[in-house]
Amino acid sequence: MPELSALGVAVHLLIATPVPADVDLVMMAAELRRIWQPALTLTVDAPGTVPDGGRTIWLRFADTLGPDAHARALGWTPFTEGRPGAVITISPSRIRVVVAHGPSRPCGRRTGSGCVTRLSRAVARVAAHEVGHVLLGAAGHDRSGLMRAGLDRNELLDPEPAGLTLPAGIRNLLRDRKALEARAGRTGQGPSSQ
């Protein structure tokens, strides 16, 4: 179960390596924010940025993932003694392969606007999944939604994927928080500190 402190917290995703030419950082950041809203405030910052408060997670792009990453993994979050590290790794080359298989024209390393849009969206969704591992502190996967193992091509590319939802624990906390806020609003009092 995620900690309540994960809600309403500012999360800074700092880019630790050069961004591939066929990934639009602005598009990627917008998609990451869309996915995690309203659970948290997520900013994507360029190298050299010093975050002001909140939780910092480093994002690195690499064609190779960690030694214990699954053979078909598109991204990876290292865990040590059951705790996630603060660095997530995304493999654009592996994501390009998934994006290229299907009815749309393959992109390869081309930088046409359609290819950049599709790859940026897919990279953002893989990054959102890995951010989930860090925030939830769990290496495991859910049976559905954002935190399920192996997001498929449609979940990576569809502009409005129905199945790409926040983890159940986060959704439950949001529901509980809204109910508490509604109750506090009706009584004119703030939440109890019991």
N, C-alpha and C. Protein backbone atom coordinates (compact mmCIF):
# COMPACT_ATOMS: atom_id res chain seq x y z
N MET A 1 0.84 -1.18 0.00
CA MET A 1 0.00 0.00 0.00
C MET A 1 0.89 1.24 0.00
N PRO A 2 0.65 2.17 -0.91
CA PRO A 2 1.49 3.37 -0.96
C PRO A 2 1.26 4.24 0.27
N GLU A 3 2.26 5.01 0.57
CA GLU A 3 2.15 5.92 1.71
C GLU A 3 1.29 7.12 1.31
N LEU A 4 0.51 7.61 2.27
CA LEU A 4 -0.30 8.78 2.01
C LEU A 4 0.57 9.97 1.63
N SER A 5 1.80 9.99 2.12
CA SER A 5 2.69 11.11 1.81
C SER A 5 3.03 11.18 0.33
N ALA A 6 2.81 10.09 -0.42
CA ALA A 6 3.07 10.14 -1.87
C ALA A 6 2.07 11.03 -2.58
N LEU A 7 0.93 11.30 -1.96
CA LEU A 7 -0.08 12.14 -2.58
C LEU A 7 0.20 13.60 -2.26
N GLY A 8 0.05 14.43 -3.27
CA GLY A 8 0.24 15.85 -3.07
C GLY A 8 1.70 16.25 -2.98
N VAL A 9 2.60 15.33 -3.17
CA VAL A 9 4.02 15.62 -3.09
C VAL A 9 4.53 16.04 -4.47
N ALA A 10 5.44 16.97 -4.50
CA ALA A 10 6.07 17.36 -5.75
C ALA A 10 7.16 16.34 -6.08
N VAL A 11 7.13 15.83 -7.27
CA VAL A 11 8.15 14.90 -7.72
C VAL A 11 8.89 15.55 -8.88
N HIS A 12 10.21 15.57 -8.76
CA HIS A 12 11.06 16.14 -9.80
C HIS A 12 11.76 15.00 -10.52
N LEU A 13 11.52 14.87 -11.80
CA LEU A 13 12.20 13.88 -12.61
C LEU A 13 13.32 14.62 -13.33
N LEU A 14 14.55 14.37 -12.91
CA LEU A 14 15.70 15.06 -13.49
C LEU A 14 16.31 14.19 -14.59
N ILE A 15 16.54 14.78 -15.73
CA ILE A 15 17.11 14.06 -16.87
C ILE A 15 18.62 13.99 -16.68
N ALA A 16 19.14 12.77 -16.56
CA ALA A 16 20.55 12.58 -16.22
C ALA A 16 21.45 12.36 -17.44
N THR A 17 20.86 12.10 -18.58
CA THR A 17 21.64 11.82 -19.79
C THR A 17 21.04 12.62 -20.95
N PRO A 18 21.76 12.72 -22.06
CA PRO A 18 21.17 13.42 -23.22
C PRO A 18 19.86 12.76 -23.65
N VAL A 19 18.91 13.59 -24.06
CA VAL A 19 17.62 13.09 -24.55
C VAL A 19 17.80 12.70 -26.01
N PRO A 20 17.35 11.50 -26.40
CA PRO A 20 17.47 11.09 -27.80
C PRO A 20 16.79 12.11 -28.73
N ALA A 21 17.34 12.27 -29.93
CA ALA A 21 16.83 13.27 -30.89
C ALA A 21 15.38 13.01 -31.27
N ASP A 22 14.94 11.76 -31.22
CA ASP A 22 13.57 11.44 -31.63
C ASP A 22 12.60 11.38 -30.44
N VAL A 23 13.00 11.95 -29.30
CA VAL A 23 12.11 12.08 -28.14
C VAL A 23 11.96 13.56 -27.83
N ASP A 24 10.73 14.02 -27.82
CA ASP A 24 10.43 15.42 -27.51
C ASP A 24 10.20 15.51 -25.99
N LEU A 25 11.11 16.20 -25.31
CA LEU A 25 11.06 16.29 -23.85
C LEU A 25 9.78 16.98 -23.37
N VAL A 26 9.32 17.99 -24.08
CA VAL A 26 8.10 18.70 -23.69
C VAL A 26 6.89 17.77 -23.79
N MET A 27 6.78 17.03 -24.89
CA MET A 27 5.68 16.06 -25.06
C MET A 27 5.74 14.98 -23.99
N MET A 28 6.94 14.48 -23.76
CA MET A 28 7.13 13.42 -22.76
C MET A 28 6.69 13.91 -21.38
N ALA A 29 7.12 15.12 -21.01
CA ALA A 29 6.77 15.68 -19.70
C ALA A 29 5.26 15.88 -19.57
N ALA A 30 4.62 16.36 -20.63
CA ALA A 30 3.17 16.58 -20.58
C ALA A 30 2.43 15.26 -20.38
N GLU A 31 2.87 14.21 -21.04
CA GLU A 31 2.22 12.91 -20.89
C GLU A 31 2.46 12.33 -19.49
N LEU A 32 3.66 12.48 -18.96
CA LEU A 32 3.93 12.02 -17.60
C LEU A 32 3.03 12.74 -16.59
N ARG A 33 2.90 14.05 -16.73
CA ARG A 33 2.03 14.81 -15.82
C ARG A 33 0.58 14.37 -15.96
N ARG A 34 0.12 14.14 -17.19
CA ARG A 34 -1.25 13.72 -17.42
C ARG A 34 -1.54 12.39 -16.73
N ILE A 35 -0.61 11.46 -16.82
CA ILE A 35 -0.80 10.13 -16.23
C ILE A 35 -0.88 10.20 -14.71
N TRP A 36 0.02 10.94 -14.08
CA TRP A 36 0.10 10.95 -12.62
C TRP A 36 -0.82 11.97 -11.96
N GLN A 37 -1.43 12.86 -12.72
CA GLN A 37 -2.37 13.81 -12.16
C GLN A 37 -3.63 13.06 -11.77
N PRO A 38 -4.29 13.25 -10.71
CA PRO A 38 -4.10 14.30 -9.70
C PRO A 38 -3.33 13.81 -8.48
N ALA A 39 -2.65 12.67 -8.59
CA ALA A 39 -1.99 12.09 -7.42
C ALA A 39 -0.80 12.92 -6.95
N LEU A 40 -0.11 13.54 -7.88
CA LEU A 40 1.07 14.29 -7.48
C LEU A 40 1.39 15.34 -8.51
N THR A 41 2.24 16.26 -8.13
CA THR A 41 2.74 17.27 -9.04
C THR A 41 4.07 16.79 -9.57
N LEU A 42 4.16 16.59 -10.87
CA LEU A 42 5.37 16.04 -11.47
C LEU A 42 5.98 17.07 -12.40
N THR A 43 7.25 17.35 -12.21
CA THR A 43 7.96 18.22 -13.14
C THR A 43 9.11 17.43 -13.74
N VAL A 44 9.41 17.71 -14.98
CA VAL A 44 10.54 17.10 -15.66
C VAL A 44 11.54 18.21 -15.88
N ASP A 45 12.72 18.05 -15.32
CA ASP A 45 13.72 19.11 -15.34
C ASP A 45 14.96 18.70 -16.12
N ALA A 46 15.55 19.67 -16.79
CA ALA A 46 16.76 19.45 -17.57
C ALA A 46 17.96 19.27 -16.65
N PRO A 47 19.04 18.69 -17.19
CA PRO A 47 20.25 18.54 -16.38
C PRO A 47 20.71 19.89 -15.83
N GLY A 48 21.24 19.87 -14.64
CA GLY A 48 21.75 21.09 -14.01
C GLY A 48 20.70 21.81 -13.18
N THR A 49 19.43 21.38 -13.28
CA THR A 49 18.37 22.01 -12.49
C THR A 49 18.48 21.54 -11.04
N VAL A 50 18.31 22.45 -10.12
CA VAL A 50 18.30 22.09 -8.70
C VAL A 50 16.86 22.18 -8.23
N PRO A 51 16.25 21.01 -7.92
CA PRO A 51 14.84 21.04 -7.51
C PRO A 51 14.65 21.74 -6.18
N ASP A 52 13.49 22.37 -6.06
CA ASP A 52 13.14 23.08 -4.84
C ASP A 52 12.13 22.24 -4.06
N GLY A 53 12.61 21.40 -3.15
CA GLY A 53 11.74 20.56 -2.34
C GLY A 53 11.19 19.38 -3.13
N GLY A 54 10.44 18.54 -2.47
CA GLY A 54 9.83 17.40 -3.12
C GLY A 54 10.78 16.22 -3.28
N ARG A 55 10.34 15.24 -3.96
CA ARG A 55 11.09 14.00 -4.19
C ARG A 55 11.80 14.08 -5.53
N THR A 56 13.06 13.66 -5.60
CA THR A 56 13.82 13.69 -6.84
C THR A 56 14.05 12.27 -7.34
N ILE A 57 13.74 12.07 -8.61
CA ILE A 57 14.01 10.80 -9.28
C ILE A 57 14.82 11.15 -10.53
N TRP A 58 15.89 10.43 -10.75
CA TRP A 58 16.74 10.66 -11.92
C TRP A 58 16.31 9.73 -13.05
N LEU A 59 16.23 10.26 -14.26
CA LEU A 59 15.91 9.48 -15.44
C LEU A 59 17.12 9.46 -16.35
N ARG A 60 17.53 8.26 -16.71
CA ARG A 60 18.63 8.14 -17.68
C ARG A 60 18.15 7.32 -18.85
N PHE A 61 18.60 7.70 -20.03
CA PHE A 61 18.32 6.96 -21.25
C PHE A 61 19.52 6.10 -21.55
N ALA A 62 19.30 4.83 -21.83
CA ALA A 62 20.40 3.91 -22.14
C ALA A 62 19.86 2.76 -22.98
N ASP A 63 20.67 2.27 -23.90
CA ASP A 63 20.24 1.13 -24.70
C ASP A 63 20.34 -0.17 -23.94
N THR A 64 21.19 -0.20 -22.91
CA THR A 64 21.28 -1.40 -22.09
C THR A 64 20.71 -1.09 -20.72
N LEU A 65 20.04 -2.07 -20.17
CA LEU A 65 19.44 -1.91 -18.84
C LEU A 65 20.31 -2.62 -17.82
N GLY A 66 19.88 -2.63 -16.60
CA GLY A 66 20.65 -3.25 -15.53
C GLY A 66 20.76 -4.76 -15.67
N PRO A 67 21.70 -5.36 -14.96
CA PRO A 67 21.95 -6.80 -15.08
C PRO A 67 20.78 -7.67 -14.66
N ASP A 68 19.92 -7.18 -13.78
CA ASP A 68 18.78 -8.00 -13.36
C ASP A 68 17.46 -7.56 -13.99
N ALA A 69 17.53 -6.74 -15.05
CA ALA A 69 16.33 -6.33 -15.78
C ALA A 69 15.83 -7.51 -16.61
N HIS A 70 14.52 -7.62 -16.74
CA HIS A 70 13.91 -8.67 -17.55
C HIS A 70 14.38 -8.52 -19.00
N ALA A 71 14.53 -9.62 -19.69
CA ALA A 71 15.05 -9.61 -21.06
C ALA A 71 14.25 -8.72 -22.01
N ARG A 72 12.94 -8.58 -21.79
CA ARG A 72 12.11 -7.75 -22.67
C ARG A 72 11.75 -6.40 -22.06
N ALA A 73 12.39 -6.04 -20.96
CA ALA A 73 12.06 -4.79 -20.27
C ALA A 73 12.34 -3.58 -21.16
N LEU A 74 11.46 -2.59 -21.06
CA LEU A 74 11.63 -1.33 -21.77
C LEU A 74 12.22 -0.26 -20.85
N GLY A 75 12.11 -0.51 -19.56
CA GLY A 75 12.65 0.38 -18.54
C GLY A 75 13.03 -0.45 -17.33
N TRP A 76 13.73 0.17 -16.40
CA TRP A 76 14.25 -0.59 -15.27
C TRP A 76 14.46 0.33 -14.08
N THR A 77 14.10 -0.15 -12.91
CA THR A 77 14.35 0.53 -11.64
C THR A 77 15.10 -0.43 -10.74
N PRO A 78 16.33 -0.10 -10.34
CA PRO A 78 17.07 -1.01 -9.47
C PRO A 78 16.53 -0.98 -8.03
N PHE A 79 16.49 -2.16 -7.42
CA PHE A 79 16.10 -2.29 -6.02
C PHE A 79 17.26 -2.89 -5.25
N THR A 80 17.53 -2.35 -4.08
CA THR A 80 18.56 -2.88 -3.20
C THR A 80 17.91 -3.17 -1.86
N GLU A 81 18.02 -4.42 -1.43
CA GLU A 81 17.42 -4.85 -0.18
C GLU A 81 15.93 -4.45 -0.10
N GLY A 82 15.24 -4.64 -1.22
CA GLY A 82 13.81 -4.38 -1.27
C GLY A 82 13.38 -2.93 -1.40
N ARG A 83 14.35 -2.03 -1.55
CA ARG A 83 14.03 -0.61 -1.66
C ARG A 83 14.47 -0.09 -3.03
N PRO A 84 13.62 0.74 -3.65
CA PRO A 84 13.98 1.25 -4.98
C PRO A 84 15.05 2.32 -4.89
N GLY A 85 15.88 2.37 -5.92
CA GLY A 85 16.84 3.45 -6.03
C GLY A 85 16.14 4.70 -6.53
N ALA A 86 16.87 5.77 -6.68
CA ALA A 86 16.30 7.03 -7.15
C ALA A 86 16.61 7.27 -8.62
N VAL A 87 17.09 6.24 -9.32
CA VAL A 87 17.42 6.35 -10.74
C VAL A 87 16.59 5.34 -11.51
N ILE A 88 15.89 5.82 -12.55
CA ILE A 88 15.20 4.91 -13.44
C ILE A 88 15.89 4.97 -14.80
N THR A 89 15.90 3.86 -15.49
CA THR A 89 16.53 3.80 -16.81
C THR A 89 15.48 3.41 -17.84
N ILE A 90 15.47 4.13 -18.94
CA ILE A 90 14.55 3.87 -20.04
C ILE A 90 15.40 3.53 -21.27
N SER A 91 14.97 2.51 -22.02
CA SER A 91 15.68 2.10 -23.23
C SER A 91 14.92 2.53 -24.47
N PRO A 92 15.26 3.68 -25.05
CA PRO A 92 14.58 4.12 -26.27
C PRO A 92 14.71 3.11 -27.41
N SER A 93 15.85 2.44 -27.50
CA SER A 93 16.03 1.48 -28.61
C SER A 93 15.05 0.32 -28.49
N ARG A 94 14.80 -0.16 -27.28
CA ARG A 94 13.83 -1.24 -27.10
C ARG A 94 12.41 -0.73 -27.35
N ILE A 95 12.14 0.49 -26.93
CA ILE A 95 10.81 1.07 -27.16
C ILE A 95 10.59 1.27 -28.65
N ARG A 96 11.61 1.70 -29.39
CA ARG A 96 11.49 1.87 -30.84
C ARG A 96 11.06 0.56 -31.51
N VAL A 97 11.59 -0.57 -31.03
CA VAL A 97 11.23 -1.87 -31.61
C VAL A 97 9.74 -2.14 -31.41
N VAL A 98 9.24 -1.89 -30.21
CA VAL A 98 7.81 -2.11 -29.93
C VAL A 98 6.95 -1.16 -30.77
N VAL A 99 7.36 0.10 -30.85
CA VAL A 99 6.61 1.10 -31.60
C VAL A 99 6.60 0.74 -33.09
N ALA A 100 7.68 0.18 -33.59
CA ALA A 100 7.80 -0.12 -35.02
C ALA A 100 6.95 -1.32 -35.44
N HIS A 101 6.61 -2.22 -34.54
CA HIS A 101 5.83 -3.40 -34.90
C HIS A 101 4.35 -3.07 -34.85
N GLY A 102 3.71 -3.08 -35.98
CA GLY A 102 2.28 -2.79 -36.01
C GLY A 102 1.89 -2.17 -37.32
N PRO A 103 0.63 -1.74 -37.42
CA PRO A 103 0.12 -1.25 -38.70
C PRO A 103 0.69 0.09 -39.14
N SER A 104 1.16 0.91 -38.21
CA SER A 104 1.71 2.20 -38.64
C SER A 104 3.11 2.01 -39.20
N ARG A 105 3.55 3.00 -39.95
CA ARG A 105 4.88 2.91 -40.55
C ARG A 105 5.95 2.87 -39.46
N PRO A 106 6.96 2.01 -39.64
CA PRO A 106 8.04 1.98 -38.64
C PRO A 106 8.84 3.28 -38.66
N CYS A 107 9.30 3.66 -37.49
CA CYS A 107 10.04 4.91 -37.37
C CYS A 107 11.55 4.73 -37.46
N GLY A 108 12.07 3.63 -36.94
CA GLY A 108 13.52 3.52 -36.86
C GLY A 108 14.05 4.67 -36.03
N ARG A 109 15.05 5.37 -36.53
CA ARG A 109 15.59 6.54 -35.83
C ARG A 109 15.20 7.83 -36.52
N ARG A 110 14.17 7.78 -37.39
CA ARG A 110 13.72 8.99 -38.07
C ARG A 110 13.13 9.96 -37.07
N THR A 111 13.17 11.22 -37.43
CA THR A 111 12.68 12.23 -36.50
C THR A 111 11.48 13.00 -37.06
N GLY A 112 10.70 12.37 -37.95
CA GLY A 112 9.47 13.00 -38.43
C GLY A 112 8.51 13.20 -37.27
N SER A 113 7.59 14.16 -37.40
CA SER A 113 6.74 14.54 -36.28
C SER A 113 5.89 13.37 -35.76
N GLY A 114 5.35 12.52 -36.67
CA GLY A 114 4.56 11.38 -36.22
C GLY A 114 5.38 10.41 -35.41
N CYS A 115 6.60 10.17 -35.85
CA CYS A 115 7.49 9.26 -35.12
C CYS A 115 7.88 9.83 -33.76
N VAL A 116 8.19 11.11 -33.73
CA VAL A 116 8.57 11.75 -32.47
C VAL A 116 7.40 11.71 -31.49
N THR A 117 6.20 11.99 -31.97
CA THR A 117 5.02 11.96 -31.10
C THR A 117 4.81 10.57 -30.53
N ARG A 118 4.85 9.55 -31.38
CA ARG A 118 4.62 8.18 -30.91
C ARG A 118 5.70 7.74 -29.94
N LEU A 119 6.96 7.99 -30.28
CA LEU A 119 8.04 7.55 -29.40
C LEU A 119 8.03 8.33 -28.08
N SER A 120 7.76 9.63 -28.13
CA SER A 120 7.72 10.44 -26.90
C SER A 120 6.62 9.95 -25.98
N ARG A 121 5.45 9.63 -26.54
CA ARG A 121 4.33 9.12 -25.75
C ARG A 121 4.71 7.79 -25.10
N ALA A 122 5.32 6.89 -25.90
CA ALA A 122 5.69 5.57 -25.39
C ALA A 122 6.76 5.68 -24.31
N VAL A 123 7.77 6.52 -24.52
CA VAL A 123 8.82 6.72 -23.52
C VAL A 123 8.22 7.27 -22.23
N ALA A 124 7.29 8.22 -22.35
CA ALA A 124 6.65 8.80 -21.16
C ALA A 124 5.90 7.73 -20.37
N ARG A 125 5.22 6.84 -21.06
CA ARG A 125 4.43 5.82 -20.37
C ARG A 125 5.32 4.78 -19.70
N VAL A 126 6.43 4.44 -20.32
CA VAL A 126 7.38 3.54 -19.67
C VAL A 126 7.97 4.24 -18.45
N ALA A 127 8.33 5.52 -18.60
CA ALA A 127 8.87 6.28 -17.47
C ALA A 127 7.83 6.40 -16.35
N ALA A 128 6.56 6.60 -16.69
CA ALA A 128 5.50 6.69 -15.67
C ALA A 128 5.41 5.39 -14.88
N HIS A 129 5.55 4.27 -15.56
CA HIS A 129 5.54 2.97 -14.90
C HIS A 129 6.72 2.86 -13.93
N GLU A 130 7.90 3.24 -14.39
CA GLU A 130 9.10 3.15 -13.53
C GLU A 130 9.01 4.13 -12.36
N VAL A 131 8.47 5.32 -12.59
CA VAL A 131 8.25 6.27 -11.48
C VAL A 131 7.35 5.61 -10.45
N GLY A 132 6.36 4.86 -10.91
CA GLY A 132 5.47 4.15 -9.99
C GLY A 132 6.21 3.19 -9.09
N HIS A 133 7.20 2.46 -9.65
CA HIS A 133 8.00 1.56 -8.81
C HIS A 133 8.69 2.33 -7.69
N VAL A 134 9.25 3.49 -8.04
CA VAL A 134 9.98 4.29 -7.03
C VAL A 134 9.01 4.83 -5.98
N LEU A 135 7.91 5.42 -6.42
CA LEU A 135 6.98 6.05 -5.48
C LEU A 135 6.26 5.03 -4.60
N LEU A 136 5.92 3.88 -5.19
CA LEU A 136 5.22 2.85 -4.43
C LEU A 136 6.18 1.99 -3.61
N GLY A 137 7.47 2.07 -3.94
CA GLY A 137 8.46 1.28 -3.20
C GLY A 137 8.29 -0.21 -3.41
N ALA A 138 7.76 -0.59 -4.56
CA ALA A 138 7.47 -1.99 -4.82
C ALA A 138 8.01 -2.42 -6.18
N ALA A 139 8.69 -3.55 -6.19
CA ALA A 139 9.21 -4.09 -7.45
C ALA A 139 8.15 -4.88 -8.21
N GLY A 140 7.10 -5.28 -7.52
CA GLY A 140 6.06 -6.12 -8.13
C GLY A 140 5.17 -5.34 -9.08
N HIS A 141 4.31 -6.10 -9.75
CA HIS A 141 3.41 -5.52 -10.73
C HIS A 141 1.96 -5.84 -10.39
N ASP A 142 1.06 -4.98 -10.87
CA ASP A 142 -0.38 -5.20 -10.74
C ASP A 142 -0.85 -6.05 -11.92
N ARG A 143 -2.08 -6.52 -11.83
CA ARG A 143 -2.65 -7.30 -12.94
C ARG A 143 -3.14 -6.41 -14.07
N SER A 144 -3.38 -5.14 -13.78
CA SER A 144 -3.86 -4.23 -14.82
C SER A 144 -3.37 -2.82 -14.52
N GLY A 145 -3.59 -1.93 -15.47
CA GLY A 145 -3.25 -0.53 -15.29
C GLY A 145 -1.78 -0.21 -15.53
N LEU A 146 -1.41 0.96 -15.10
CA LEU A 146 -0.06 1.48 -15.31
C LEU A 146 1.03 0.56 -14.76
N MET A 147 0.76 -0.10 -13.65
CA MET A 147 1.79 -0.89 -13.00
C MET A 147 1.76 -2.38 -13.37
N ARG A 148 1.09 -2.73 -14.46
CA ARG A 148 1.14 -4.13 -14.87
C ARG A 148 2.44 -4.37 -15.64
N ALA A 149 2.92 -5.58 -15.58
CA ALA A 149 4.16 -5.92 -16.30
C ALA A 149 3.88 -5.92 -17.79
N GLY A 150 4.80 -5.41 -18.55
CA GLY A 150 4.71 -5.50 -20.00
C GLY A 150 3.57 -4.73 -20.63
N LEU A 151 3.62 -3.40 -20.57
CA LEU A 151 2.63 -2.60 -21.28
C LEU A 151 2.69 -2.97 -22.76
N ASP A 152 1.53 -3.13 -23.38
CA ASP A 152 1.53 -3.54 -24.79
C ASP A 152 1.60 -2.31 -25.71
N ARG A 153 1.74 -2.58 -26.99
CA ARG A 153 1.91 -1.52 -27.98
C ARG A 153 0.76 -0.51 -27.92
N ASN A 154 -0.47 -0.99 -27.82
CA ASN A 154 -1.62 -0.08 -27.76
C ASN A 154 -1.56 0.81 -26.52
N GLU A 155 -1.17 0.26 -25.38
CA GLU A 155 -1.06 1.06 -24.16
C GLU A 155 0.05 2.10 -24.27
N LEU A 156 1.07 1.78 -25.04
CA LEU A 156 2.17 2.72 -25.23
C LEU A 156 1.83 3.82 -26.22
N LEU A 157 0.97 3.53 -27.22
CA LEU A 157 0.76 4.47 -28.32
C LEU A 157 -0.61 5.11 -28.40
N ASP A 158 -1.65 4.46 -27.89
CA ASP A 158 -3.00 4.98 -28.02
C ASP A 158 -3.09 6.35 -27.34
N PRO A 159 -3.61 7.38 -28.04
CA PRO A 159 -3.72 8.70 -27.41
C PRO A 159 -4.57 8.70 -26.14
N GLU A 160 -5.56 7.83 -26.06
CA GLU A 160 -6.43 7.75 -24.88
C GLU A 160 -6.56 6.29 -24.42
N PRO A 161 -5.50 5.70 -23.87
CA PRO A 161 -5.57 4.29 -23.49
C PRO A 161 -6.48 4.05 -22.28
N ALA A 162 -7.50 3.25 -22.47
CA ALA A 162 -8.47 3.00 -21.40
C ALA A 162 -7.83 2.26 -20.22
N GLY A 163 -6.89 1.38 -20.48
CA GLY A 163 -6.35 0.55 -19.42
C GLY A 163 -5.17 1.12 -18.67
N LEU A 164 -4.72 2.31 -19.02
CA LEU A 164 -3.52 2.87 -18.40
C LEU A 164 -3.93 3.75 -17.22
N THR A 165 -4.31 3.11 -16.11
CA THR A 165 -4.80 3.81 -14.94
C THR A 165 -3.77 3.78 -13.82
N LEU A 166 -3.92 4.71 -12.89
CA LEU A 166 -3.04 4.73 -11.72
C LEU A 166 -3.23 3.45 -10.91
N PRO A 167 -2.22 3.06 -10.15
CA PRO A 167 -2.34 1.86 -9.32
C PRO A 167 -3.52 1.96 -8.36
N ALA A 168 -4.13 0.82 -8.07
CA ALA A 168 -5.33 0.76 -7.21
C ALA A 168 -5.09 1.44 -5.86
N GLY A 169 -3.93 1.23 -5.26
CA GLY A 169 -3.65 1.84 -3.96
C GLY A 169 -3.68 3.36 -4.02
N ILE A 170 -3.14 3.93 -5.08
CA ILE A 170 -3.16 5.39 -5.25
C ILE A 170 -4.59 5.86 -5.50
N ARG A 171 -5.33 5.15 -6.36
CA ARG A 171 -6.73 5.53 -6.63
C ARG A 171 -7.55 5.51 -5.34
N ASN A 172 -7.34 4.48 -4.51
CA ASN A 172 -8.07 4.38 -3.24
C ASN A 172 -7.72 5.54 -2.31
N LEU A 173 -6.44 5.89 -2.24
CA LEU A 173 -6.04 7.01 -1.40
C LEU A 173 -6.65 8.32 -1.89
N LEU A 174 -6.69 8.50 -3.22
CA LEU A 174 -7.31 9.71 -3.77
C LEU A 174 -8.79 9.76 -3.44
N ARG A 175 -9.48 8.62 -3.59
CA ARG A 175 -10.90 8.55 -3.26
C ARG A 175 -11.12 8.88 -1.78
N ASP A 176 -10.31 8.29 -0.91
CA ASP A 176 -10.43 8.54 0.52
C ASP A 176 -10.15 10.01 0.85
N ARG A 177 -9.15 10.58 0.20
CA ARG A 177 -8.80 11.98 0.45
C ARG A 177 -9.94 12.90 0.00
N LYS A 178 -10.54 12.60 -1.17
CA LYS A 178 -11.67 13.41 -1.65
C LYS A 178 -12.84 13.31 -0.70
N ALA A 179 -13.12 12.10 -0.19
CA ALA A 179 -14.22 11.92 0.76
C ALA A 179 -13.95 12.70 2.03
N LEU A 180 -12.72 12.67 2.52
CA LEU A 180 -12.35 13.40 3.74
C LEU A 180 -12.48 14.90 3.52
N GLU A 181 -12.02 15.38 2.35
CA GLU A 181 -12.13 16.81 2.05
C GLU A 181 -13.59 17.23 1.92
N ALA A 182 -14.43 16.37 1.31
CA ALA A 182 -15.85 16.69 1.17
C ALA A 182 -16.51 16.76 2.55
N ARG A 183 -16.19 15.81 3.42
CA ARG A 183 -16.74 15.81 4.78
C ARG A 183 -16.29 17.06 5.53
N ALA A 184 -15.02 17.41 5.40
CA ALA A 184 -14.49 18.59 6.09
C ALA A 184 -15.17 19.85 5.56
N GLY A 185 -15.46 19.89 4.26
CA GLY A 185 -16.13 21.04 3.67
C GLY A 185 -17.55 21.20 4.16
N ARG A 186 -18.24 20.07 4.38
CA ARG A 186 -19.62 20.13 4.87
C ARG A 186 -19.68 20.61 6.31
N THR A 187 -18.68 20.26 7.11
CA THR A 187 -18.71 20.62 8.52
C THR A 187 -18.02 21.95 8.77
N GLY A 188 -17.29 22.45 7.75
CA GLY A 188 -16.56 23.71 7.92
C GLY A 188 -15.29 23.54 8.73
N GLN A 189 -14.89 22.29 8.96
CA GLN A 189 -13.68 22.04 9.74
C GLN A 189 -12.66 21.34 8.85
N GLY A 190 -11.42 21.48 9.19
CA GLY A 190 -10.36 20.76 8.50
C GLY A 190 -10.35 19.31 8.93
N PRO A 191 -9.58 18.47 8.27
CA PRO A 191 -9.47 17.08 8.66
C PRO A 191 -8.93 16.94 10.08
N SER A 192 -9.36 15.93 10.77
CA SER A 192 -8.92 15.67 12.12
C SER A 192 -7.47 15.23 12.13
N SER A 193 -6.76 15.53 13.17
CA SER A 193 -5.35 15.13 13.26
C SER A 193 -5.20 13.93 14.18
N GLN A 194 -6.24 13.14 14.31
CA GLN A 194 -6.20 11.97 15.21
C GLN A 194 -5.31 10.90 14.67
